[in-house]
């Protein structure tokens, strides 16, 4: 006696889906760490004071902390990945322009240059173009 089995074709995960997954999870972790550092090390009030010292309104510090932590969580989960990536771009452009431009290009310079925020901005653009990739709660 023979038994017939039916099998569904295995879903293939492309290299692009895997790359998008790695990129979004890595950036998500880094954004959470950055936001958490502003919250726990520099404190929200201290971060607001720093923002004011570089010519930004202090309330933007609280928004930045929330956006970095919540955006990082959304990236890790793969929820609204394209929109979250686009929403985080102004944060990184602002960090590069207001926080690091005066220190020059290289991040190893005193005060940290704008090299790192610029790279992160490009990575966010790439993530927005790629979408969520594999293992996302909500595929783009």
N, C-alpha and C. Protein backbone atom coordinates (compact mmCIF):
# COMPACT_ATOMS: atom_id res chain seq x y z
N UNK A 1 0.84 -1.17 0.00
CA UNK A 1 0.00 0.00 0.00
C UNK A 1 0.89 1.24 0.00
N UNK A 2 0.55 2.15 -0.87
CA UNK A 2 1.33 3.38 -0.96
C UNK A 2 0.51 4.54 -0.43
N UNK A 3 1.20 5.45 0.12
CA UNK A 3 0.54 6.65 0.61
C UNK A 3 1.02 7.83 -0.21
N UNK A 4 0.08 8.62 -0.59
CA UNK A 4 0.44 9.82 -1.35
C UNK A 4 0.63 10.97 -0.36
N UNK A 5 1.67 11.67 -0.57
CA UNK A 5 1.90 12.85 0.27
C UNK A 5 1.93 14.08 -0.62
N UNK A 6 1.41 15.11 -0.11
CA UNK A 6 1.50 16.37 -0.83
C UNK A 6 2.34 17.31 -0.01
N UNK A 7 3.17 17.98 -0.69
CA UNK A 7 4.00 18.96 0.02
C UNK A 7 3.92 20.29 -0.70
N UNK A 8 3.86 21.29 0.07
CA UNK A 8 3.85 22.63 -0.50
C UNK A 8 5.29 23.04 -0.76
N UNK A 9 5.50 23.81 -1.80
CA UNK A 9 6.87 24.25 -2.05
C UNK A 9 7.36 25.12 -0.88
N UNK A 10 8.59 24.90 -0.49
CA UNK A 10 9.16 25.67 0.62
C UNK A 10 9.32 27.13 0.18
N UNK A 11 8.96 28.01 1.07
CA UNK A 11 9.12 29.43 0.79
C UNK A 11 10.61 29.77 0.81
N UNK A 12 11.06 30.40 -0.23
CA UNK A 12 12.46 30.77 -0.32
C UNK A 12 12.63 32.18 0.20
N UNK A 13 13.66 32.37 0.96
CA UNK A 13 14.01 33.71 1.43
C UNK A 13 15.17 34.17 0.56
N UNK A 14 14.97 35.27 -0.13
CA UNK A 14 15.99 35.77 -1.03
C UNK A 14 17.13 36.44 -0.27
N UNK A 15 18.23 36.64 -0.95
CA UNK A 15 19.35 37.36 -0.35
C UNK A 15 18.93 38.78 0.03
N UNK A 16 18.11 39.42 -0.80
CA UNK A 16 17.65 40.78 -0.50
C UNK A 16 16.79 40.79 0.77
N UNK A 17 15.94 39.78 0.94
CA UNK A 17 15.12 39.69 2.15
C UNK A 17 15.99 39.48 3.39
N UNK A 18 17.01 38.66 3.25
CA UNK A 18 17.92 38.42 4.37
C UNK A 18 18.72 39.69 4.68
N UNK A 19 19.19 40.38 3.63
CA UNK A 19 19.94 41.63 3.83
C UNK A 19 19.07 42.68 4.53
N UNK A 20 17.82 42.80 4.10
CA UNK A 20 16.91 43.76 4.72
C UNK A 20 16.68 43.42 6.19
N UNK A 21 16.54 42.13 6.48
CA UNK A 21 16.38 41.68 7.87
C UNK A 21 17.58 42.08 8.72
N UNK A 22 18.77 41.77 8.24
CA UNK A 22 20.00 42.07 9.00
C UNK A 22 20.13 43.58 9.21
N UNK A 23 19.88 44.34 8.16
CA UNK A 23 20.00 45.79 8.25
C UNK A 23 19.00 46.37 9.24
N UNK A 24 17.72 45.95 9.14
CA UNK A 24 16.70 46.55 10.01
C UNK A 24 16.89 46.16 11.46
N UNK A 25 17.30 44.92 11.74
CA UNK A 25 17.50 44.50 13.13
C UNK A 25 18.73 45.22 13.72
N UNK A 26 19.80 45.32 12.94
CA UNK A 26 20.99 46.01 13.42
C UNK A 26 20.69 47.48 13.71
N UNK A 27 20.05 48.15 12.76
CA UNK A 27 19.71 49.56 13.00
C UNK A 27 18.73 49.70 14.15
N UNK A 28 17.78 48.78 14.25
CA UNK A 28 16.83 48.84 15.36
C UNK A 28 17.53 48.77 16.71
N UNK A 29 18.46 47.84 16.85
CA UNK A 29 19.22 47.72 18.10
C UNK A 29 20.01 49.00 18.37
N UNK A 30 20.68 49.52 17.34
CA UNK A 30 21.48 50.73 17.53
C UNK A 30 20.63 51.93 17.89
N UNK A 31 19.45 52.06 17.27
CA UNK A 31 18.58 53.17 17.62
C UNK A 31 18.09 53.05 19.06
N UNK A 32 17.73 51.86 19.48
CA UNK A 32 17.32 51.67 20.87
C UNK A 32 18.46 52.05 21.81
N UNK A 33 19.65 51.59 21.52
CA UNK A 33 20.80 51.90 22.37
C UNK A 33 21.07 53.40 22.42
N UNK A 34 20.97 54.07 21.28
CA UNK A 34 21.18 55.52 21.25
C UNK A 34 20.12 56.25 22.07
N UNK A 35 18.86 55.87 21.86
CA UNK A 35 17.78 56.50 22.62
C UNK A 35 17.89 56.22 24.11
N UNK A 36 18.24 54.96 24.43
CA UNK A 36 18.36 54.58 25.84
C UNK A 36 19.52 55.31 26.51
N UNK A 37 20.62 55.54 25.78
CA UNK A 37 21.75 56.30 26.32
C UNK A 37 21.31 57.72 26.65
N UNK A 38 20.54 58.34 25.75
CA UNK A 38 20.06 59.69 26.01
C UNK A 38 19.15 59.71 27.24
N UNK A 39 18.39 58.64 27.42
CA UNK A 39 17.45 58.56 28.55
C UNK A 39 18.17 58.24 29.86
N UNK A 40 19.01 57.21 29.86
CA UNK A 40 19.56 56.70 31.12
C UNK A 40 20.90 57.30 31.51
N UNK A 41 21.72 57.68 30.54
CA UNK A 41 23.04 58.23 30.86
C UNK A 41 23.00 59.75 30.90
N UNK A 42 22.56 60.35 29.81
CA UNK A 42 22.53 61.81 29.74
C UNK A 42 21.30 62.40 30.39
N UNK A 43 20.28 61.60 30.60
CA UNK A 43 18.95 61.96 31.12
C UNK A 43 18.20 62.84 30.12
N UNK A 44 16.89 62.75 30.12
CA UNK A 44 16.12 63.60 29.20
C UNK A 44 16.39 65.09 29.41
N UNK A 45 16.49 65.51 30.66
CA UNK A 45 16.76 66.93 30.92
C UNK A 45 18.15 67.33 30.43
N UNK A 46 19.12 66.45 30.63
CA UNK A 46 20.47 66.73 30.15
C UNK A 46 20.54 66.77 28.64
N UNK A 47 19.81 65.86 27.99
CA UNK A 47 19.77 65.85 26.54
C UNK A 47 19.08 67.11 26.03
N UNK A 48 18.02 67.53 26.70
CA UNK A 48 17.33 68.77 26.32
C UNK A 48 18.28 69.96 26.46
N UNK A 49 19.07 69.98 27.53
CA UNK A 49 20.05 71.04 27.72
C UNK A 49 21.09 71.06 26.60
N UNK A 50 21.54 69.87 26.20
CA UNK A 50 22.51 69.79 25.10
C UNK A 50 21.87 70.30 23.81
N UNK A 51 20.64 69.88 23.53
CA UNK A 51 19.96 70.34 22.32
C UNK A 51 19.88 71.87 22.32
N UNK A 52 19.53 72.45 23.45
CA UNK A 52 19.45 73.92 23.53
C UNK A 52 20.82 74.56 23.32
N UNK A 53 21.88 73.90 23.80
CA UNK A 53 23.23 74.47 23.65
C UNK A 53 23.69 74.48 22.20
N UNK A 54 23.11 73.65 21.35
CA UNK A 54 23.48 73.64 19.93
C UNK A 54 22.43 74.33 19.06
N UNK A 55 21.49 75.01 19.71
CA UNK A 55 20.54 75.83 18.98
C UNK A 55 19.21 75.18 18.63
N UNK A 56 18.95 74.02 19.20
CA UNK A 56 17.67 73.34 18.96
C UNK A 56 16.75 73.54 20.15
N UNK A 57 15.44 73.52 19.93
CA UNK A 57 14.52 73.60 21.06
C UNK A 57 14.67 72.37 21.96
N UNK A 58 14.65 72.58 23.25
CA UNK A 58 14.84 71.49 24.19
C UNK A 58 13.82 70.37 24.07
N UNK A 59 12.58 70.71 23.72
CA UNK A 59 11.54 69.68 23.63
C UNK A 59 11.86 68.64 22.56
N UNK A 60 12.70 68.99 21.58
CA UNK A 60 13.06 68.02 20.55
C UNK A 60 13.86 66.85 21.12
N UNK A 61 14.51 67.06 22.25
CA UNK A 61 15.25 65.97 22.88
C UNK A 61 14.31 64.85 23.30
N UNK A 62 13.18 65.21 23.87
CA UNK A 62 12.21 64.21 24.32
C UNK A 62 11.61 63.46 23.12
N UNK A 63 11.34 64.20 22.06
CA UNK A 63 10.81 63.58 20.84
C UNK A 63 11.86 62.65 20.23
N UNK A 64 13.11 63.10 20.22
CA UNK A 64 14.19 62.30 19.65
C UNK A 64 14.37 61.00 20.43
N UNK A 65 14.35 61.07 21.75
CA UNK A 65 14.48 59.87 22.58
C UNK A 65 13.35 58.88 22.24
N UNK A 66 12.14 59.39 22.20
CA UNK A 66 10.98 58.51 21.91
C UNK A 66 11.06 57.93 20.51
N UNK A 67 11.41 58.76 19.53
CA UNK A 67 11.48 58.30 18.15
C UNK A 67 12.58 57.24 17.99
N UNK A 68 13.73 57.45 18.63
CA UNK A 68 14.81 56.48 18.51
C UNK A 68 14.43 55.14 19.13
N UNK A 69 13.84 55.16 20.32
CA UNK A 69 13.50 53.91 20.99
C UNK A 69 12.33 53.22 20.29
N UNK A 70 11.26 53.94 20.02
CA UNK A 70 10.10 53.34 19.36
C UNK A 70 10.41 52.95 17.92
N UNK A 71 11.17 53.78 17.23
CA UNK A 71 11.58 53.45 15.87
C UNK A 71 12.45 52.21 15.84
N UNK A 72 13.36 52.10 16.81
CA UNK A 72 14.20 50.91 16.90
C UNK A 72 13.40 49.65 17.13
N UNK A 73 12.42 49.74 18.02
CA UNK A 73 11.55 48.58 18.28
C UNK A 73 10.76 48.19 17.03
N UNK A 74 10.25 49.19 16.31
CA UNK A 74 9.49 48.92 15.10
C UNK A 74 10.37 48.28 14.02
N UNK A 75 11.61 48.75 13.91
CA UNK A 75 12.51 48.15 12.93
C UNK A 75 12.80 46.69 13.27
N UNK A 76 13.09 46.43 14.52
CA UNK A 76 13.37 45.04 14.92
C UNK A 76 12.18 44.14 14.62
N UNK A 77 11.00 44.62 14.94
CA UNK A 77 9.80 43.83 14.72
C UNK A 77 9.42 43.73 13.24
N UNK A 78 9.88 44.69 12.46
CA UNK A 78 9.51 44.70 11.05
C UNK A 78 8.11 45.24 10.84
N UNK A 79 7.79 46.31 11.56
CA UNK A 79 6.47 46.94 11.47
C UNK A 79 6.65 48.31 10.83
N UNK A 80 5.93 48.58 9.75
CA UNK A 80 6.00 49.86 9.04
C UNK A 80 7.45 50.24 8.72
N UNK A 81 8.22 49.29 8.29
CA UNK A 81 9.66 49.47 8.12
C UNK A 81 10.01 50.63 7.20
N UNK A 82 9.35 50.72 6.07
CA UNK A 82 9.68 51.81 5.13
C UNK A 82 9.38 53.17 5.76
N UNK A 83 8.21 53.29 6.40
CA UNK A 83 7.82 54.57 6.99
C UNK A 83 8.70 54.94 8.18
N UNK A 84 9.02 53.95 9.00
CA UNK A 84 9.89 54.21 10.16
C UNK A 84 11.27 54.63 9.69
N UNK A 85 11.79 53.97 8.68
CA UNK A 85 13.11 54.35 8.14
C UNK A 85 13.08 55.79 7.64
N UNK A 86 12.04 56.15 6.91
CA UNK A 86 11.94 57.52 6.41
C UNK A 86 11.78 58.52 7.56
N UNK A 87 11.04 58.15 8.60
CA UNK A 87 10.84 59.05 9.75
C UNK A 87 12.13 59.26 10.54
N UNK A 88 13.03 58.28 10.53
CA UNK A 88 14.28 58.40 11.27
C UNK A 88 15.34 59.20 10.51
N UNK A 89 15.17 59.39 9.22
CA UNK A 89 16.15 60.15 8.43
C UNK A 89 16.33 61.58 8.96
N UNK A 90 15.27 62.34 9.25
CA UNK A 90 15.49 63.69 9.78
C UNK A 90 16.24 63.69 11.12
N UNK A 91 16.05 62.66 11.92
CA UNK A 91 16.79 62.55 13.19
C UNK A 91 18.29 62.47 12.90
N UNK A 92 18.66 61.63 11.93
CA UNK A 92 20.08 61.46 11.63
C UNK A 92 20.66 62.67 10.89
N UNK A 93 19.87 63.28 10.01
CA UNK A 93 20.35 64.50 9.33
C UNK A 93 20.56 65.60 10.37
N UNK A 94 19.61 65.71 11.31
CA UNK A 94 19.77 66.70 12.38
C UNK A 94 20.98 66.42 13.25
N UNK A 95 21.21 65.16 13.57
CA UNK A 95 22.39 64.80 14.36
C UNK A 95 23.67 65.16 13.62
N UNK A 96 23.69 64.87 12.33
CA UNK A 96 24.88 65.19 11.54
C UNK A 96 25.10 66.69 11.42
N UNK A 97 24.03 67.43 11.16
CA UNK A 97 24.16 68.86 10.94
C UNK A 97 24.36 69.63 12.24
N UNK A 98 23.47 69.42 13.20
CA UNK A 98 23.53 70.21 14.44
C UNK A 98 24.53 69.66 15.44
N UNK A 99 24.63 68.33 15.54
CA UNK A 99 25.45 67.75 16.58
C UNK A 99 26.89 67.48 16.21
N UNK A 100 27.17 67.27 14.91
CA UNK A 100 28.51 66.80 14.56
C UNK A 100 29.19 67.55 13.42
N UNK A 101 28.50 68.39 12.68
CA UNK A 101 29.09 69.04 11.50
C UNK A 101 30.29 69.91 11.87
N UNK A 102 30.23 70.57 13.00
CA UNK A 102 31.32 71.47 13.38
C UNK A 102 32.61 70.71 13.71
N UNK A 103 32.52 69.40 13.93
CA UNK A 103 33.69 68.61 14.27
C UNK A 103 34.40 68.06 13.04
N UNK A 104 33.86 68.34 11.86
CA UNK A 104 34.48 67.83 10.65
C UNK A 104 33.87 66.51 10.23
N UNK A 105 34.52 65.82 9.32
CA UNK A 105 33.97 64.61 8.73
C UNK A 105 34.14 63.39 9.61
N UNK A 106 35.34 63.12 10.08
CA UNK A 106 35.61 61.85 10.75
C UNK A 106 35.02 61.80 12.15
N UNK A 107 34.36 60.68 12.44
CA UNK A 107 33.71 60.52 13.74
C UNK A 107 34.73 60.41 14.87
N UNK A 108 35.99 60.11 14.55
CA UNK A 108 37.03 60.03 15.58
C UNK A 108 37.51 61.41 16.01
N UNK A 109 37.10 62.47 15.31
CA UNK A 109 37.47 63.82 15.70
C UNK A 109 36.85 64.19 17.05
N UNK A 110 37.45 65.16 17.72
CA UNK A 110 36.89 65.70 18.95
C UNK A 110 35.45 66.14 18.69
N UNK A 111 34.50 65.63 19.47
CA UNK A 111 33.09 65.96 19.27
C UNK A 111 32.40 65.08 18.25
N UNK A 112 33.13 64.16 17.64
CA UNK A 112 32.53 63.23 16.67
C UNK A 112 32.08 63.93 15.41
N UNK A 113 32.65 63.61 14.30
CA UNK A 113 32.29 64.23 13.02
C UNK A 113 30.98 63.69 12.48
N UNK A 114 30.63 64.15 11.29
CA UNK A 114 29.34 63.81 10.71
C UNK A 114 29.36 62.55 9.87
N UNK A 115 30.49 61.85 9.82
CA UNK A 115 30.63 60.61 9.04
C UNK A 115 29.60 59.55 9.45
N UNK A 116 29.49 59.27 10.73
CA UNK A 116 28.58 58.23 11.22
C UNK A 116 27.12 58.56 10.97
N UNK A 117 26.65 59.76 11.33
CA UNK A 117 25.25 60.08 11.01
C UNK A 117 24.96 60.06 9.50
N UNK A 118 25.94 60.45 8.69
CA UNK A 118 25.74 60.41 7.23
C UNK A 118 25.59 58.97 6.75
N UNK A 119 26.45 58.08 7.25
CA UNK A 119 26.34 56.67 6.85
C UNK A 119 25.00 56.10 7.30
N UNK A 120 24.59 56.43 8.52
CA UNK A 120 23.33 55.92 9.05
C UNK A 120 22.15 56.43 8.22
N UNK A 121 22.24 57.66 7.75
CA UNK A 121 21.20 58.22 6.90
C UNK A 121 21.08 57.43 5.60
N UNK A 122 22.21 57.12 5.01
CA UNK A 122 22.21 56.32 3.78
C UNK A 122 21.63 54.93 4.05
N UNK A 123 22.01 54.33 5.17
CA UNK A 123 21.48 53.01 5.52
C UNK A 123 19.96 53.05 5.69
N UNK A 124 19.43 54.14 6.24
CA UNK A 124 17.98 54.28 6.37
C UNK A 124 17.31 54.40 5.01
N UNK A 125 17.93 55.11 4.08
CA UNK A 125 17.39 55.20 2.73
C UNK A 125 17.37 53.82 2.09
N UNK A 126 18.45 53.06 2.25
CA UNK A 126 18.52 51.70 1.71
C UNK A 126 17.42 50.84 2.32
N UNK A 127 17.22 50.95 3.64
CA UNK A 127 16.18 50.16 4.30
C UNK A 127 14.80 50.53 3.76
N UNK A 128 14.56 51.81 3.56
CA UNK A 128 13.27 52.24 3.02
C UNK A 128 13.05 51.67 1.62
N UNK A 129 14.11 51.58 0.84
CA UNK A 129 13.99 51.02 -0.51
C UNK A 129 13.80 49.50 -0.48
N UNK A 130 14.50 48.82 0.43
CA UNK A 130 14.40 47.36 0.52
C UNK A 130 13.10 46.88 1.14
N UNK A 131 12.60 47.63 2.10
CA UNK A 131 11.44 47.17 2.85
C UNK A 131 11.86 46.32 4.03
N UNK A 132 10.92 45.61 4.59
CA UNK A 132 11.15 44.88 5.84
C UNK A 132 12.02 43.64 5.67
N UNK A 133 11.92 42.98 4.55
CA UNK A 133 12.68 41.75 4.36
C UNK A 133 12.04 40.58 5.06
N UNK A 134 12.86 39.59 5.38
CA UNK A 134 12.38 38.34 5.96
C UNK A 134 11.99 38.51 7.42
N UNK A 135 11.09 37.65 7.86
CA UNK A 135 10.72 37.52 9.27
C UNK A 135 10.23 38.83 9.89
N UNK A 136 9.47 39.58 9.14
CA UNK A 136 8.88 40.82 9.63
C UNK A 136 7.45 40.56 10.05
N UNK A 137 7.00 41.26 11.07
CA UNK A 137 5.61 41.12 11.48
C UNK A 137 4.67 41.67 10.42
N UNK A 138 5.15 42.68 9.73
CA UNK A 138 4.34 43.28 8.67
C UNK A 138 5.23 43.56 7.48
N UNK A 139 5.06 42.79 6.43
CA UNK A 139 5.90 42.94 5.25
C UNK A 139 5.56 44.22 4.52
N UNK A 140 6.57 44.86 3.97
CA UNK A 140 6.36 46.10 3.23
C UNK A 140 5.80 45.80 1.86
